[in-house]
Protein backbone atom coordinates (compact mmCIF):
# COMPACT_ATOMS: atom_id res chain seq x y z
CA MET A 1 -22.65 5.86 -45.35
CA GLU A 2 -23.09 8.94 -43.02
CA ASN A 3 -26.90 8.17 -42.71
CA MET A 4 -26.21 4.17 -42.20
CA LYS A 5 -23.87 5.04 -39.41
CA TRP A 6 -26.97 6.91 -37.48
CA ILE A 7 -29.22 4.02 -38.44
CA VAL A 8 -26.54 1.48 -36.83
CA LEU A 9 -26.25 3.55 -33.73
CA GLY A 10 -30.08 3.98 -33.63
CA ILE A 11 -30.31 0.08 -33.61
CA ALA A 12 -27.16 -0.36 -31.28
CA ALA A 13 -28.51 2.00 -28.76
CA LEU A 14 -32.19 0.63 -28.64
CA MET A 15 -31.05 -2.94 -28.32
CA TYR A 16 -28.22 -1.97 -25.03
CA VAL A 17 -31.45 0.05 -23.52
CA LEU A 18 -33.27 -2.96 -23.74
CA VAL A 19 -30.59 -5.43 -22.73
CA ILE A 20 -30.31 -3.50 -19.57
CA ALA A 21 -33.85 -2.87 -19.11
CA ILE A 22 -35.01 -6.31 -19.55
CA GLN A 23 -32.13 -8.80 -18.68
CA ASP A 24 -34.15 -12.06 -19.05
CA LYS A 25 -34.48 -11.17 -22.83
CA LYS A 26 -31.14 -9.89 -23.56
CA VAL A 27 -30.59 -12.66 -25.93
CA LEU A 28 -33.61 -11.90 -28.02
CA PHE A 29 -33.17 -8.06 -28.18
CA THR A 30 -29.40 -9.19 -29.61
CA LEU A 31 -30.41 -11.68 -32.31
CA VAL A 32 -32.99 -9.20 -33.45
CA ALA A 33 -30.56 -6.12 -33.57
CA ALA A 34 -27.93 -8.61 -35.37
CA ALA A 35 -30.42 -9.92 -37.88
CA ALA A 36 -31.92 -6.32 -38.48
CA ILE A 37 -27.81 -5.62 -39.51
CA VAL A 38 -26.86 -8.56 -41.48
CA ILE A 39 -30.43 -7.88 -43.26
CA LEU A 40 -29.49 -4.06 -44.07
CA GLY A 41 -25.62 -5.06 -44.65
CA VAL A 42 -27.47 -7.40 -47.73
CA LEU A 43 -29.75 -5.01 -48.86
CA PHE A 44 -27.14 -2.08 -48.92
CA PRO A 45 -23.70 -3.84 -49.87
CA GLY A 46 -20.81 -1.45 -48.95
CA GLU A 47 -22.76 0.65 -46.41
CA ILE A 48 -22.01 -0.98 -43.68
CA PHE A 49 -19.42 -3.84 -44.35
CA LYS A 50 -16.72 -2.55 -46.66
CA LEU A 51 -16.56 -4.67 -49.74
CA PRO A 52 -13.40 -5.72 -51.21
CA GLN A 53 -11.76 -3.59 -53.90
CA ASP A 54 -12.95 -6.25 -56.95
CA LEU A 55 -16.25 -6.12 -55.75
CA VAL A 56 -16.61 -2.62 -55.24
CA VAL A 57 -16.61 -1.81 -58.99
CA ALA A 58 -18.60 -5.06 -60.02
CA GLU A 59 -21.99 -4.42 -61.82
CA ASN A 60 -23.18 -7.76 -60.03
CA ILE A 61 -25.06 -6.62 -57.25
CA GLY A 62 -26.06 -10.18 -56.07
CA GLN A 63 -22.47 -10.93 -55.79
CA ASN A 64 -21.87 -8.30 -53.60
CA ARG A 65 -24.93 -9.16 -51.16
CA LEU A 66 -23.25 -12.54 -51.21
CA PHE A 67 -20.42 -11.38 -49.56
CA VAL A 68 -21.80 -9.39 -47.06
CA LEU A 69 -23.47 -12.28 -46.01
CA GLU A 70 -20.67 -14.79 -46.11
CA HIS A 71 -18.96 -12.09 -44.38
CA CYS A 72 -21.27 -11.71 -41.74
CA LEU A 73 -21.48 -15.47 -40.72
CA MET A 74 -18.61 -17.11 -41.82
CA ASP A 75 -15.76 -14.71 -42.02
CA GLY A 76 -14.03 -11.99 -40.04
CA VAL A 77 -17.47 -10.87 -37.94
CA ILE A 78 -18.50 -14.08 -35.86
CA ASN A 79 -15.32 -15.09 -34.05
CA TRP A 80 -15.72 -19.07 -34.18
CA ASN A 81 -12.53 -20.09 -32.74
CA ILE A 82 -13.50 -18.24 -29.27
CA LEU A 83 -17.20 -19.77 -29.31
CA MET A 84 -15.68 -23.35 -29.51
CA ILE A 85 -13.33 -22.73 -26.98
CA TYR A 86 -16.01 -21.52 -24.70
CA LEU A 87 -18.29 -24.44 -25.52
CA GLY A 88 -15.59 -27.14 -25.37
CA SER A 89 -14.34 -25.63 -21.73
CA MET A 90 -18.40 -25.55 -20.54
CA LEU A 91 -18.59 -29.09 -21.18
CA ILE A 92 -15.13 -30.08 -19.62
CA ALA A 93 -16.23 -27.81 -16.64
CA ALA A 94 -19.84 -29.71 -16.20
CA LEU A 95 -17.91 -32.85 -16.06
CA PHE A 96 -15.38 -31.64 -13.65
CA ILE A 97 -18.41 -31.04 -11.41
CA TYR A 98 -19.73 -34.13 -11.86
CA SER A 99 -16.29 -35.92 -10.92
CA LYS A 100 -16.92 -34.20 -7.30
CA VAL A 101 -13.07 -33.19 -7.33
CA PRO A 102 -13.59 -30.06 -6.43
CA ALA A 103 -15.76 -31.07 -3.49
CA ARG A 104 -12.93 -33.29 -2.41
CA ILE A 105 -10.65 -30.70 -2.20
CA ALA A 106 -12.48 -28.33 -0.51
CA ALA A 107 -13.11 -30.83 2.15
CA THR A 108 -9.59 -31.75 2.25
CA ILE A 109 -8.72 -27.93 3.05
CA ILE A 110 -11.09 -28.07 5.68
CA GLY A 111 -9.86 -30.98 7.61
CA LYS A 112 -6.07 -29.59 6.97
CA THR A 113 -6.58 -26.14 8.76
CA PRO A 114 -6.63 -25.15 12.31
CA ASN A 115 -9.65 -23.08 12.19
CA THR A 116 -12.89 -22.27 10.01
CA GLY A 117 -12.19 -18.69 9.56
CA LEU A 118 -8.84 -19.83 7.59
CA ALA A 119 -10.95 -22.53 5.88
CA MET A 120 -13.34 -20.41 4.61
CA VAL A 121 -10.85 -18.53 3.11
CA LEU A 122 -8.97 -21.10 1.49
CA ILE A 123 -12.03 -22.38 0.13
CA LEU A 124 -12.75 -19.00 -1.28
CA ALA A 125 -9.08 -19.05 -2.99
CA MET A 126 -9.60 -22.19 -4.27
CA ALA A 127 -12.76 -21.26 -5.98
CA GLY A 128 -10.87 -18.30 -7.55
CA ILE A 129 -8.05 -20.94 -9.00
CA VAL A 130 -11.10 -23.46 -10.06
CA SER A 131 -12.35 -20.39 -11.73
CA ILE A 132 -9.32 -19.59 -13.82
CA PHE A 133 -10.40 -22.27 -16.35
CA VAL A 134 -13.93 -23.13 -15.11
CA GLU A 135 -16.61 -20.91 -16.14
CA ASN A 136 -17.65 -18.46 -13.02
CA VAL A 137 -21.32 -20.26 -12.82
CA ALA A 138 -19.98 -23.32 -12.85
CA THR A 139 -17.48 -22.33 -9.94
CA VAL A 140 -20.28 -21.26 -7.66
CA LEU A 141 -22.55 -24.01 -8.14
CA VAL A 142 -19.41 -26.30 -7.40
CA ILE A 143 -17.99 -24.89 -4.25
CA ALA A 144 -21.72 -23.63 -2.53
CA PRO A 145 -22.93 -26.69 -1.21
CA ILE A 146 -19.46 -26.92 0.75
CA ALA A 147 -20.20 -23.47 1.95
CA ILE A 148 -23.81 -23.85 3.08
CA ALA A 149 -22.69 -27.12 4.64
CA ILE A 150 -19.83 -25.39 6.37
CA CYS A 151 -22.19 -22.18 7.82
CA LYS A 152 -25.00 -24.83 8.78
CA LYS A 153 -22.33 -26.32 11.48
CA LEU A 154 -21.49 -23.23 12.33
CA ASP A 155 -25.24 -21.75 12.81
CA ARG A 156 -24.39 -18.79 10.77
CA ASN A 157 -25.98 -17.00 8.18
CA PRO A 158 -24.42 -18.20 4.52
CA THR A 159 -24.55 -15.02 2.68
CA MET A 160 -21.21 -13.34 3.26
CA PHE A 161 -19.80 -16.65 2.40
CA MET A 162 -22.11 -16.38 -1.01
CA ILE A 163 -20.90 -13.39 -1.42
CA GLY A 164 -17.36 -14.11 -1.32
CA LEU A 165 -17.78 -17.13 -3.90
CA ALA A 166 -19.34 -15.25 -6.31
CA VAL A 167 -16.98 -11.92 -6.24
CA MET A 168 -13.55 -14.35 -5.99
CA SER A 169 -14.66 -16.33 -8.66
CA ASN A 170 -15.49 -13.30 -11.01
CA LEU A 171 -11.76 -11.96 -10.00
CA GLU A 172 -10.23 -15.03 -11.09
CA GLY A 173 -11.89 -15.75 -14.16
CA THR A 174 -10.21 -12.81 -15.83
CA ALA A 175 -6.90 -14.28 -15.34
CA THR A 176 -6.42 -16.52 -18.05
CA LEU A 177 -7.78 -17.21 -21.87
CA VAL A 178 -10.25 -19.66 -20.94
CA GLY A 179 -11.67 -18.43 -17.42
CA ASP A 180 -14.34 -16.00 -18.91
CA PRO A 181 -15.84 -14.84 -22.10
CA PRO A 182 -14.46 -11.24 -21.63
CA SER A 183 -10.97 -12.81 -21.38
CA MET A 184 -11.46 -14.83 -24.52
CA ILE A 185 -12.93 -11.68 -26.35
CA PHE A 186 -9.93 -10.05 -25.32
CA ALA A 187 -7.65 -12.60 -26.40
CA GLY A 188 -9.34 -12.92 -29.79
CA PHE A 189 -9.12 -8.93 -30.40
CA ALA A 190 -5.61 -8.55 -29.38
CA LYS A 191 -4.16 -12.07 -31.02
CA TYR A 192 -3.28 -13.28 -27.65
CA THR A 193 -2.37 -16.99 -26.84
CA PHE A 194 -2.66 -18.80 -23.87
CA ASN A 195 0.44 -17.77 -22.61
CA ASP A 196 0.67 -14.19 -23.59
CA PHE A 197 -1.93 -13.77 -20.35
CA PHE A 198 1.24 -14.95 -18.03
CA VAL A 199 4.34 -12.99 -20.17
CA HIS A 200 3.66 -10.94 -22.83
CA ASP A 201 6.77 -8.96 -24.39
CA GLY A 202 9.05 -9.70 -21.66
CA LYS A 203 6.58 -8.49 -19.20
CA LEU A 204 4.16 -10.01 -16.83
CA SER A 205 1.06 -10.28 -17.70
CA ILE A 206 -2.77 -10.02 -16.91
CA PHE A 207 -2.61 -13.33 -14.77
CA PHE A 208 -0.24 -12.11 -12.38
CA ILE A 209 -1.64 -8.68 -11.83
CA ILE A 210 -5.06 -10.30 -11.22
CA GLN A 211 -3.10 -12.39 -8.73
CA VAL A 212 -2.44 -9.08 -6.62
CA GLY A 213 -6.38 -8.90 -6.47
CA LEU A 214 -6.89 -12.13 -5.43
CA LEU A 215 -4.35 -11.79 -2.50
CA VAL A 216 -5.82 -8.28 -1.28
CA GLY A 217 -9.40 -10.32 -1.60
CA CYS A 218 -8.15 -13.10 0.77
CA ILE A 219 -6.81 -10.65 2.96
CA LEU A 220 -10.12 -8.80 3.24
CA PHE A 221 -12.37 -12.16 3.65
CA TYR A 222 -9.65 -13.23 6.37
CA PHE A 223 -10.44 -10.23 8.33
CA ILE A 224 -14.28 -10.67 7.85
CA PHE A 225 -14.12 -14.71 8.82
CA SER A 226 -11.82 -14.98 11.40
CA ARG A 227 -13.59 -12.66 13.85
CA ASN A 228 -15.92 -15.42 14.67
CA GLY A 229 -14.48 -18.50 12.95
CA LYS A 230 -12.08 -19.65 15.33
CA ASN A 231 -13.52 -23.10 15.96
CA LYS A 232 -12.50 -26.43 13.98
CA ILE A 233 -15.10 -28.24 12.23
CA GLU A 234 -15.01 -31.59 10.33
CA VAL A 235 -16.61 -32.27 6.92
CA GLU A 236 -17.58 -35.58 5.39
CA LYS A 237 -15.51 -36.31 2.05
CA GLU A 238 -16.96 -37.47 -0.92
CA GLU A 239 -16.09 -39.73 -3.08
CA VAL A 240 -14.78 -38.96 -6.31
CA VAL A 241 -16.83 -40.20 -9.35
CA SER A 242 -14.00 -40.33 -11.81
CA TRP A 243 -10.30 -38.55 -12.38
CA LEU A 244 -10.91 -38.10 -16.10
CA PRO A 245 -12.36 -34.70 -16.32
CA LEU A 246 -9.47 -33.27 -14.14
CA VAL A 247 -7.17 -35.02 -16.77
CA LEU A 248 -9.32 -33.52 -19.58
CA LEU A 249 -8.99 -30.09 -17.82
CA VAL A 250 -5.49 -30.52 -17.30
CA LEU A 251 -4.85 -31.51 -21.14
CA MET A 252 -6.78 -28.53 -22.26
CA ILE A 253 -4.83 -26.60 -20.13
CA LEU A 254 -1.50 -28.06 -21.57
CA GLY A 255 -2.46 -28.02 -24.97
CA LEU A 256 -3.35 -24.03 -25.15
CA ALA A 257 -0.26 -23.68 -23.85
CA VAL A 258 1.66 -25.81 -25.73
CA MET A 259 0.05 -24.69 -28.77
CA SER A 260 0.93 -20.73 -27.82
CA PHE A 261 4.42 -21.57 -28.76
CA ILE A 262 3.75 -23.28 -32.16
CA LYS A 263 2.87 -20.85 -35.03
CA ILE A 264 -0.24 -22.74 -36.35
CA ARG A 265 -1.73 -20.96 -39.51
CA PHE A 266 -5.15 -22.72 -39.15
CA GLN A 267 -7.14 -19.87 -37.14
CA TYR A 268 -9.20 -22.42 -35.22
CA ALA A 269 -6.84 -25.05 -34.11
CA ASN A 270 -7.43 -23.73 -30.34
CA GLY A 271 -10.88 -24.08 -30.64
CA ILE A 272 -11.28 -27.35 -32.17
CA TYR A 273 -8.81 -28.73 -29.74
CA VAL A 274 -10.81 -27.88 -26.76
CA LEU A 275 -14.32 -28.68 -27.91
CA GLY A 276 -12.61 -32.20 -29.21
CA LEU A 277 -11.75 -32.45 -25.65
CA GLY A 278 -15.24 -31.94 -24.45
CA LEU A 279 -16.84 -34.16 -26.85
CA PHE A 280 -14.53 -36.53 -25.95
CA GLY A 281 -15.49 -36.13 -22.66
CA LEU A 282 -19.00 -36.11 -23.32
CA ILE A 283 -19.04 -39.84 -24.92
CA TRP A 284 -17.30 -40.61 -21.93
CA TYR A 285 -20.22 -39.76 -19.69
CA ILE A 286 -22.57 -41.66 -22.02
CA ILE A 287 -20.80 -44.42 -21.38
CA LYS A 288 -20.44 -44.15 -17.83
CA GLU A 289 -24.05 -43.17 -17.45
CA LYS A 290 -25.37 -45.51 -19.92
CA SER A 291 -28.12 -42.80 -20.47
CA LEU A 292 -28.50 -40.30 -23.50
CA LYS A 293 -30.98 -38.67 -21.56
CA SER A 294 -28.47 -37.50 -18.57
CA ALA A 295 -25.94 -36.67 -21.56
CA GLY A 296 -28.80 -34.46 -22.89
CA LYS A 297 -29.56 -32.75 -19.89
CA LEU A 298 -25.84 -31.95 -19.66
CA ILE A 299 -26.08 -30.54 -22.61
CA LYS A 300 -29.00 -28.51 -22.08
CA ASP A 301 -27.96 -27.11 -18.87
CA LEU A 302 -24.58 -25.54 -20.61
CA ASP A 303 -25.03 -21.41 -21.13
CA TRP A 304 -26.18 -21.86 -24.36
CA GLU A 305 -27.62 -18.25 -23.71
CA THR A 306 -24.18 -16.56 -23.66
CA ILE A 307 -23.18 -18.74 -27.01
CA PHE A 308 -26.09 -16.98 -28.92
CA PHE A 309 -25.47 -13.63 -27.29
CA LEU A 310 -22.13 -13.55 -28.22
CA ILE A 311 -22.69 -14.20 -31.97
CA GLY A 312 -25.40 -11.40 -31.60
CA ILE A 313 -22.88 -8.90 -30.07
CA PHE A 314 -20.10 -10.09 -32.50
CA ILE A 315 -22.22 -8.70 -35.38
CA VAL A 316 -23.73 -5.63 -33.98
CA VAL A 317 -20.01 -4.49 -32.79
CA ALA A 318 -18.53 -5.42 -36.11
CA ALA A 319 -21.15 -2.97 -37.50
CA ILE A 320 -20.68 -0.30 -34.82
CA GLU A 321 -16.90 -0.38 -35.83
CA SER A 322 -17.18 -1.07 -39.55
CA VAL A 323 -19.54 2.27 -40.09
CA GLY A 324 -16.68 4.37 -37.99
CA LEU A 325 -18.59 5.06 -34.78
CA LEU A 326 -15.75 3.73 -32.65
CA ASN A 327 -13.40 5.88 -33.86
CA ASP A 328 -15.56 8.64 -32.88
CA LEU A 329 -15.90 7.31 -29.70
CA ALA A 330 -11.91 7.18 -29.28
CA ASN A 331 -11.61 10.90 -30.57
CA LEU A 332 -13.85 11.79 -27.68
CA LEU A 333 -12.29 10.23 -25.19
CA TYR A 334 -9.14 11.15 -26.19
CA SER A 335 -10.20 15.04 -26.09
CA LEU A 336 -11.18 14.73 -22.37
CA THR A 337 -7.62 13.11 -21.64
CA ASN A 338 -5.96 16.41 -22.58
CA GLY A 339 -3.25 14.24 -23.85
CA SER A 340 -2.67 12.76 -20.45
CA LYS A 341 -1.80 9.13 -20.42
CA PHE A 342 -2.84 8.86 -16.79
CA ILE A 343 -5.99 10.59 -17.24
CA GLY A 344 -6.78 8.20 -19.68
CA PHE A 345 -5.89 5.01 -17.68
CA LEU A 346 -8.40 6.34 -15.08
CA LEU A 347 -10.95 7.24 -17.27
CA ILE A 348 -11.07 3.64 -19.14
CA LEU A 349 -10.74 2.07 -15.33
CA LEU A 350 -13.36 4.27 -13.74
CA VAL A 351 -15.92 4.08 -16.68
CA SER A 352 -15.47 0.35 -17.17
CA ILE A 353 -15.98 -0.52 -13.44
CA VAL A 354 -19.26 1.70 -13.10
CA ILE A 355 -20.96 0.05 -16.49
CA SER A 356 -19.88 -3.37 -15.62
CA GLY A 357 -21.44 -2.85 -12.18
CA PHE A 358 -24.97 -2.67 -13.78
CA VAL A 359 -24.85 -3.79 -17.30
CA ASP A 360 -23.36 -7.18 -18.84
CA ASN A 361 -19.55 -6.85 -19.70
CA VAL A 362 -19.30 -8.66 -22.91
CA PRO A 363 -21.35 -6.09 -24.88
CA TYR A 364 -19.13 -3.24 -23.27
CA ILE A 365 -15.63 -4.96 -23.79
CA MET A 366 -16.36 -5.78 -27.33
CA ALA A 367 -17.29 -2.20 -27.84
CA MET A 368 -14.69 -0.81 -26.02
CA LEU A 369 -11.49 -2.92 -27.19
CA PRO A 370 -10.86 -1.14 -30.18
CA VAL A 371 -11.76 2.40 -28.40
CA ALA A 372 -9.10 1.64 -26.20
CA GLN A 373 -6.45 0.82 -28.59
CA SER A 374 -7.37 3.27 -30.96
CA MET A 375 -6.50 6.07 -27.75
CA ALA A 376 -3.55 4.03 -27.07
CA VAL A 377 -2.23 4.65 -30.45
CA SER A 378 -3.49 8.22 -30.64
CA MET A 379 -1.19 9.18 -27.69
CA GLY A 380 1.95 7.06 -28.80
CA ILE A 381 2.00 4.55 -25.97
CA ASN A 382 1.88 0.89 -25.29
CA PRO A 383 -2.07 -0.46 -26.03
CA GLU A 384 -1.67 -3.04 -23.48
CA LEU A 385 -1.71 -0.48 -20.64
CA TYR A 386 -5.19 0.78 -21.72
CA LEU A 387 -6.65 -2.67 -23.27
CA PHE A 388 -5.73 -4.32 -19.55
CA ALA A 389 -7.26 -1.17 -17.66
CA LEU A 390 -10.40 -2.17 -19.36
CA LEU A 391 -10.14 -5.74 -18.88
CA VAL A 392 -9.58 -5.48 -15.21
CA GLY A 393 -12.40 -2.67 -14.81
CA SER A 394 -14.89 -3.98 -17.05
CA CYS A 395 -14.34 -7.80 -15.16
CA LEU A 396 -13.55 -6.60 -11.55
CA GLY A 397 -16.48 -3.93 -11.55
CA GLY A 398 -19.25 -6.64 -12.09
CA ASN A 399 -18.51 -7.60 -8.35
CA LEU A 400 -20.15 -4.03 -7.47
CA THR A 401 -23.71 -4.94 -7.50
CA PRO A 402 -25.77 -8.20 -7.30
CA PHE A 403 -26.49 -8.33 -10.82
CA GLY A 404 -23.11 -7.07 -11.97
CA ALA A 405 -22.47 -10.68 -12.98
CA SER A 406 -24.05 -14.16 -13.76
CA ALA A 407 -22.44 -15.63 -10.54
CA ASN A 408 -23.81 -13.18 -8.70
CA VAL A 409 -27.38 -14.15 -9.93
CA VAL A 410 -26.82 -17.38 -8.75
CA ALA A 411 -25.19 -16.71 -5.66
CA MET A 412 -28.18 -14.42 -4.41
CA GLY A 413 -30.96 -17.62 -5.91
CA ILE A 414 -28.75 -19.97 -3.52
CA VAL A 415 -29.02 -18.38 -0.61
CA LYS A 416 -32.71 -17.24 -0.85
CA LYS A 417 -33.41 -20.91 -1.26
CA GLU A 418 -31.89 -21.59 2.19
CA GLY A 419 -34.11 -18.95 3.69
CA TYR A 420 -31.74 -15.80 3.59
CA PRO A 421 -32.81 -12.90 0.87
CA MET A 422 -30.24 -10.70 -0.27
CA ASN A 423 -31.30 -7.33 -1.28
CA PHE A 424 -29.00 -4.74 -3.00
CA GLY A 425 -27.94 -3.28 0.30
CA LYS A 426 -26.37 -6.56 2.04
CA TRP A 427 -24.43 -6.93 -1.54
CA ILE A 428 -22.48 -3.88 -1.68
CA LYS A 429 -21.84 -3.80 2.05
CA ILE A 430 -18.99 -6.39 0.70
CA GLY A 431 -19.29 -5.67 -3.04
CA VAL A 432 -17.98 -2.23 -3.08
CA PRO A 433 -15.25 -2.49 -0.50
CA PHE A 434 -13.87 -5.70 -2.57
CA THR A 435 -14.42 -4.08 -5.99
CA LEU A 436 -12.31 -1.19 -4.65
CA LEU A 437 -9.57 -2.86 -2.96
CA THR A 438 -8.97 -5.31 -5.51
CA THR A 439 -9.24 -2.98 -8.16
CA VAL A 440 -7.01 -0.55 -7.10
CA SER A 441 -4.12 -3.06 -6.19
CA ALA A 442 -4.74 -4.37 -9.54
CA ALA A 443 -4.61 -1.41 -11.12
CA ALA A 444 -1.52 -0.06 -9.21
CA VAL A 445 0.57 -3.09 -10.14
CA LEU A 446 -0.60 -2.58 -13.99
CA TRP A 447 0.53 0.99 -13.95
CA LEU A 448 3.93 0.13 -12.52
CA LEU A 449 4.34 -2.95 -15.11
CA TRP A 450 3.04 -1.31 -18.13
CA ALA A 451 2.89 2.74 -18.02
């Protein structure tokens, strides 16, 4: 078992190094690492994934190997409920973009505000609100044409506005169960329902903690945009294609909220519900467009990379936890805290910010959730304090650099196409203060509520 621990550590370490070094091949590296772990688990049953007591004494090695394979692919390791929620919400988000409802709302905001500085801040706030329910990259793609049009009318560089879209989307994607993959992963680990993101154990939960960051972010961007955004401009309102995708989005939110109150034993209920809404929307889209080719393109353009990336990460992290590596890390971090609750809180927060500024936060948060919980249990404190610190630090830390989150990369690509190439230095001029201000404010409220 001790030898297998080092083998798993070696596979995971190599995978992480390759994922960091060659970002565009991260899915390949993750799936290869996961396949290697599954093969090892099947060849040496009980060495990586624990066997039930009745199989430990069984002489039929084939039965043990079959159990390990089923365990890895069908039961316990891969969270299929989370994957169905993500796929369904991506379908609804794609249809929401197609409907042009977000663009219509943004144009209305511009028309109702007295100056462009305030209008730009409100559009960023709207991007954040949309990102609560729609994947971050999709949010940036929805709002970007409006941002570019405004900047062209004002004859100003759109770089700052596009950075704002990305960081505000990343910020608010943390707020609800369906906002972003890290939140879905957190919900699966902590057994959180949709409503638990708002109130948990009688206390305000992560949604309200993140809103403090939103408020601080809006103040920062108002200071930036109001200096030369006093004029009012007119933009042409786009015709809404259909309101049905908005209805589906509302039904998804309401349905998840209602199911949070109902004790449903079927573990895939939420995933099937959200995926069902997405498939209904897809059928509607096919009928409306009268084109299977258009539907095929819509499906092809979904974020399949993240789906397969998550599958690989689920397997690798399960192996890391099963062989005891996460307990070892938790003990190490606990020793560094000297038993101090506050030092542990700061340690998790700061490490999460720095790592997530350079590394995809999905594998990081999956590896660290059980570590943070184990640290909290060892100290005899409420696990939410450290779990929320991990979620806040890893999600908001992605705003630190231009490659800390997928939405950042998309925003850089858009402004480059407009003739304004963005480098690392330009990004961190706003990324660093935004990350520090929003994270410190959210962390302060988190400490006051849960410490």
